[in-house]
Amino acid sequence: MDNSAHNTIRGAIEAILAARGIDGPVSDTDSLFISGRLDSLAATEVMMMLESDFNLDLADPDFDMSRLDTIADLTRLVTDMAA
């Protein structure tokens, strides 16, 4: 796991959660979207962050949104797409 990518993603997720008044710890494997902690607007913010910070193109119509559900999923996505 790329620590730099992981730290950037964790910081962005923690900021999005805090902006929505959701405090407390979040582990790398805690569900963010399926659990309802974050909504579709937050998903858009996460996707924009991934596109701008990691130069990813997530416009593929077959993109599986479940790949965004945890910090670990997000880090794996960045690592896989960078390879």
N, C-alpha and C. Protein backbone atom coordinates (compact mmCIF):
# COMPACT_ATOMS: atom_id res chain seq x y z
N MET A 1 0.84 -1.18 0.00
CA MET A 1 0.00 0.00 0.00
C MET A 1 0.89 1.25 0.00
N ASP A 2 0.58 2.16 -0.89
CA ASP A 2 1.33 3.41 -1.00
C ASP A 2 0.93 4.32 0.16
N ASN A 3 1.87 4.58 1.08
CA ASN A 3 1.55 5.39 2.26
C ASN A 3 1.15 6.81 1.90
N SER A 4 1.78 7.38 0.88
CA SER A 4 1.45 8.73 0.47
C SER A 4 0.00 8.81 -0.03
N ALA A 5 -0.37 7.88 -0.89
CA ALA A 5 -1.75 7.83 -1.40
C ALA A 5 -2.71 7.57 -0.26
N HIS A 6 -2.35 6.62 0.59
CA HIS A 6 -3.21 6.28 1.73
C HIS A 6 -3.44 7.49 2.62
N ASN A 7 -2.39 8.22 2.93
CA ASN A 7 -2.51 9.38 3.81
C ASN A 7 -3.34 10.49 3.17
N THR A 8 -3.17 10.70 1.87
CA THR A 8 -3.96 11.70 1.16
C THR A 8 -5.43 11.32 1.17
N ILE A 9 -5.72 10.06 0.89
CA ILE A 9 -7.10 9.58 0.87
C ILE A 9 -7.71 9.67 2.25
N ARG A 10 -7.00 9.21 3.27
CA ARG A 10 -7.51 9.25 4.64
C ARG A 10 -7.82 10.70 5.05
N GLY A 11 -6.92 11.61 4.75
CA GLY A 11 -7.14 13.01 5.09
C GLY A 11 -8.37 13.58 4.41
N ALA A 12 -8.56 13.25 3.13
CA ALA A 12 -9.72 13.73 2.38
C ALA A 12 -11.00 13.16 2.95
N ILE A 13 -11.02 11.87 3.26
CA ILE A 13 -12.22 11.23 3.81
C ILE A 13 -12.54 11.80 5.19
N GLU A 14 -11.54 11.97 6.02
CA GLU A 14 -11.78 12.55 7.35
C GLU A 14 -12.32 13.97 7.24
N ALA A 15 -11.84 14.75 6.27
CA ALA A 15 -12.33 16.11 6.07
C ALA A 15 -13.79 16.10 5.59
N ILE A 16 -14.12 15.20 4.68
CA ILE A 16 -15.49 15.10 4.18
C ILE A 16 -16.43 14.67 5.30
N LEU A 17 -16.00 13.71 6.10
CA LEU A 17 -16.83 13.27 7.25
C LEU A 17 -17.01 14.42 8.24
N ALA A 18 -15.94 15.12 8.57
CA ALA A 18 -16.02 16.22 9.53
C ALA A 18 -16.92 17.34 9.02
N ALA A 19 -16.87 17.62 7.72
CA ALA A 19 -17.71 18.67 7.14
C ALA A 19 -19.20 18.32 7.26
N ARG A 20 -19.48 17.03 7.39
CA ARG A 20 -20.86 16.58 7.53
C ARG A 20 -21.22 16.32 8.99
N GLY A 21 -20.32 16.70 9.91
CA GLY A 21 -20.59 16.54 11.33
C GLY A 21 -20.43 15.12 11.84
N ILE A 22 -19.72 14.30 11.08
CA ILE A 22 -19.50 12.92 11.49
C ILE A 22 -18.10 12.83 12.08
N ASP A 23 -18.05 12.75 13.40
CA ASP A 23 -16.78 12.69 14.10
C ASP A 23 -16.50 11.27 14.54
N GLY A 24 -15.33 11.06 15.02
CA GLY A 24 -14.95 9.76 15.52
C GLY A 24 -14.02 9.06 14.55
N PRO A 25 -13.42 8.01 15.04
CA PRO A 25 -12.44 7.31 14.21
C PRO A 25 -13.09 6.55 13.06
N VAL A 26 -12.36 6.42 11.99
CA VAL A 26 -12.78 5.60 10.85
C VAL A 26 -11.60 4.71 10.49
N SER A 27 -11.85 3.41 10.46
CA SER A 27 -10.76 2.49 10.12
C SER A 27 -10.67 2.35 8.60
N ASP A 28 -9.61 1.74 8.16
CA ASP A 28 -9.41 1.55 6.72
C ASP A 28 -10.48 0.66 6.10
N THR A 29 -11.15 -0.15 6.92
CA THR A 29 -12.13 -1.09 6.39
C THR A 29 -13.57 -0.73 6.74
N ASP A 30 -13.79 0.41 7.38
CA ASP A 30 -15.15 0.85 7.69
C ASP A 30 -15.86 1.27 6.40
N SER A 31 -17.09 0.81 6.24
CA SER A 31 -17.90 1.21 5.08
C SER A 31 -18.21 2.70 5.17
N LEU A 32 -18.07 3.38 4.05
CA LEU A 32 -18.36 4.81 4.00
C LEU A 32 -19.70 5.07 3.33
N PHE A 33 -19.99 4.40 2.24
CA PHE A 33 -21.18 4.68 1.45
C PHE A 33 -22.28 3.66 1.67
N ILE A 34 -21.95 2.39 1.64
CA ILE A 34 -22.97 1.35 1.85
C ILE A 34 -23.61 1.50 3.23
N SER A 35 -22.82 1.92 4.21
CA SER A 35 -23.32 2.11 5.57
C SER A 35 -24.18 3.36 5.71
N GLY A 36 -24.10 4.26 4.74
CA GLY A 36 -24.85 5.51 4.82
C GLY A 36 -24.09 6.64 5.49
N ARG A 37 -22.86 6.40 5.91
CA ARG A 37 -22.07 7.49 6.51
C ARG A 37 -21.91 8.64 5.53
N LEU A 38 -21.68 8.30 4.26
CA LEU A 38 -21.54 9.30 3.22
C LEU A 38 -22.57 9.04 2.13
N ASP A 39 -22.96 10.11 1.43
CA ASP A 39 -24.00 10.01 0.41
C ASP A 39 -23.43 10.19 -0.99
N SER A 40 -24.31 10.27 -1.97
CA SER A 40 -23.87 10.37 -3.36
C SER A 40 -23.13 11.68 -3.64
N LEU A 41 -23.48 12.75 -2.95
CA LEU A 41 -22.74 14.00 -3.12
C LEU A 41 -21.30 13.83 -2.65
N ALA A 42 -21.12 13.13 -1.54
CA ALA A 42 -19.77 12.85 -1.04
C ALA A 42 -19.02 11.95 -2.01
N ALA A 43 -19.72 11.02 -2.64
CA ALA A 43 -19.08 10.15 -3.64
C ALA A 43 -18.52 10.98 -4.78
N THR A 44 -19.27 11.99 -5.19
CA THR A 44 -18.80 12.89 -6.24
C THR A 44 -17.55 13.62 -5.78
N GLU A 45 -17.55 14.09 -4.54
CA GLU A 45 -16.37 14.77 -4.00
C GLU A 45 -15.16 13.84 -3.97
N VAL A 46 -15.38 12.60 -3.56
CA VAL A 46 -14.29 11.63 -3.51
C VAL A 46 -13.75 11.37 -4.91
N MET A 47 -14.65 11.19 -5.87
CA MET A 47 -14.22 10.93 -7.24
C MET A 47 -13.44 12.12 -7.80
N MET A 48 -13.89 13.33 -7.50
CA MET A 48 -13.17 14.52 -7.97
C MET A 48 -11.78 14.60 -7.35
N MET A 49 -11.69 14.24 -6.07
CA MET A 49 -10.39 14.23 -5.39
C MET A 49 -9.47 13.21 -6.04
N LEU A 50 -9.98 12.01 -6.33
CA LEU A 50 -9.16 10.97 -6.96
C LEU A 50 -8.68 11.42 -8.34
N GLU A 51 -9.57 12.07 -9.09
CA GLU A 51 -9.21 12.53 -10.42
C GLU A 51 -8.17 13.65 -10.37
N SER A 52 -8.34 14.59 -9.44
CA SER A 52 -7.41 15.71 -9.38
C SER A 52 -6.09 15.36 -8.68
N ASP A 53 -6.15 14.65 -7.57
CA ASP A 53 -4.94 14.35 -6.80
C ASP A 53 -4.11 13.22 -7.40
N PHE A 54 -4.77 12.27 -8.07
CA PHE A 54 -4.07 11.09 -8.56
C PHE A 54 -4.15 10.94 -10.08
N ASN A 55 -4.74 11.95 -10.73
CA ASN A 55 -4.83 11.96 -12.19
C ASN A 55 -5.50 10.70 -12.74
N LEU A 56 -6.57 10.26 -12.06
CA LEU A 56 -7.32 9.09 -12.51
C LEU A 56 -8.48 9.53 -13.38
N ASP A 57 -8.86 8.68 -14.31
CA ASP A 57 -10.04 8.92 -15.14
C ASP A 57 -11.11 7.91 -14.73
N LEU A 58 -12.12 8.38 -14.03
CA LEU A 58 -13.18 7.51 -13.53
C LEU A 58 -14.45 7.66 -14.35
N ALA A 59 -14.34 8.16 -15.58
CA ALA A 59 -15.50 8.41 -16.42
C ALA A 59 -16.04 7.16 -17.10
N ASP A 60 -15.37 6.05 -16.97
CA ASP A 60 -15.82 4.81 -17.61
C ASP A 60 -17.22 4.45 -17.11
N PRO A 61 -18.19 4.27 -18.03
CA PRO A 61 -19.56 3.96 -17.60
C PRO A 61 -19.67 2.63 -16.86
N ASP A 62 -18.69 1.76 -17.00
CA ASP A 62 -18.70 0.48 -16.31
C ASP A 62 -17.98 0.53 -14.96
N PHE A 63 -17.57 1.73 -14.55
CA PHE A 63 -16.87 1.86 -13.27
C PHE A 63 -17.77 1.39 -12.14
N ASP A 64 -17.24 0.57 -11.26
CA ASP A 64 -17.98 -0.01 -10.14
C ASP A 64 -17.83 0.87 -8.91
N MET A 65 -18.90 1.56 -8.53
CA MET A 65 -18.87 2.48 -7.39
C MET A 65 -18.55 1.78 -6.07
N SER A 66 -18.76 0.48 -6.00
CA SER A 66 -18.44 -0.23 -4.75
C SER A 66 -16.94 -0.22 -4.48
N ARG A 67 -16.14 0.14 -5.49
CA ARG A 67 -14.69 0.24 -5.30
C ARG A 67 -14.31 1.47 -4.47
N LEU A 68 -15.30 2.28 -4.09
CA LEU A 68 -15.05 3.50 -3.33
C LEU A 68 -15.53 3.40 -1.87
N ASP A 69 -15.93 2.22 -1.41
CA ASP A 69 -16.63 2.13 -0.13
C ASP A 69 -15.77 2.27 1.11
N THR A 70 -14.51 1.94 1.05
CA THR A 70 -13.65 2.05 2.24
C THR A 70 -12.35 2.76 1.86
N ILE A 71 -11.64 3.21 2.86
CA ILE A 71 -10.34 3.83 2.62
C ILE A 71 -9.40 2.81 1.98
N ALA A 72 -9.48 1.56 2.42
CA ALA A 72 -8.65 0.50 1.82
C ALA A 72 -9.01 0.31 0.35
N ASP A 73 -10.32 0.31 0.03
CA ASP A 73 -10.76 0.18 -1.37
C ASP A 73 -10.22 1.33 -2.21
N LEU A 74 -10.31 2.53 -1.69
CA LEU A 74 -9.84 3.71 -2.41
C LEU A 74 -8.34 3.65 -2.68
N THR A 75 -7.59 3.25 -1.67
CA THR A 75 -6.14 3.13 -1.83
C THR A 75 -5.80 2.06 -2.85
N ARG A 76 -6.50 0.93 -2.79
CA ARG A 76 -6.28 -0.15 -3.75
C ARG A 76 -6.61 0.31 -5.17
N LEU A 77 -7.70 1.07 -5.32
CA LEU A 77 -8.08 1.60 -6.63
C LEU A 77 -6.97 2.48 -7.20
N VAL A 78 -6.46 3.39 -6.39
CA VAL A 78 -5.38 4.28 -6.84
C VAL A 78 -4.15 3.47 -7.23
N THR A 79 -3.79 2.50 -6.41
CA THR A 79 -2.62 1.67 -6.68
C THR A 79 -2.82 0.87 -7.96
N ASP A 80 -4.00 0.26 -8.13
CA ASP A 80 -4.29 -0.55 -9.32
C ASP A 80 -4.29 0.29 -10.59
N MET A 81 -4.89 1.47 -10.53
CA MET A 81 -5.00 2.29 -11.72
C MET A 81 -3.67 2.97 -12.09
N ALA A 82 -2.78 3.09 -11.11
CA ALA A 82 -1.48 3.70 -11.38
C ALA A 82 -0.52 2.68 -12.00
N ALA A 83 -0.84 1.41 -11.83
CA ALA A 83 0.06 0.34 -12.34
C ALA A 83 -0.06 0.16 -13.82
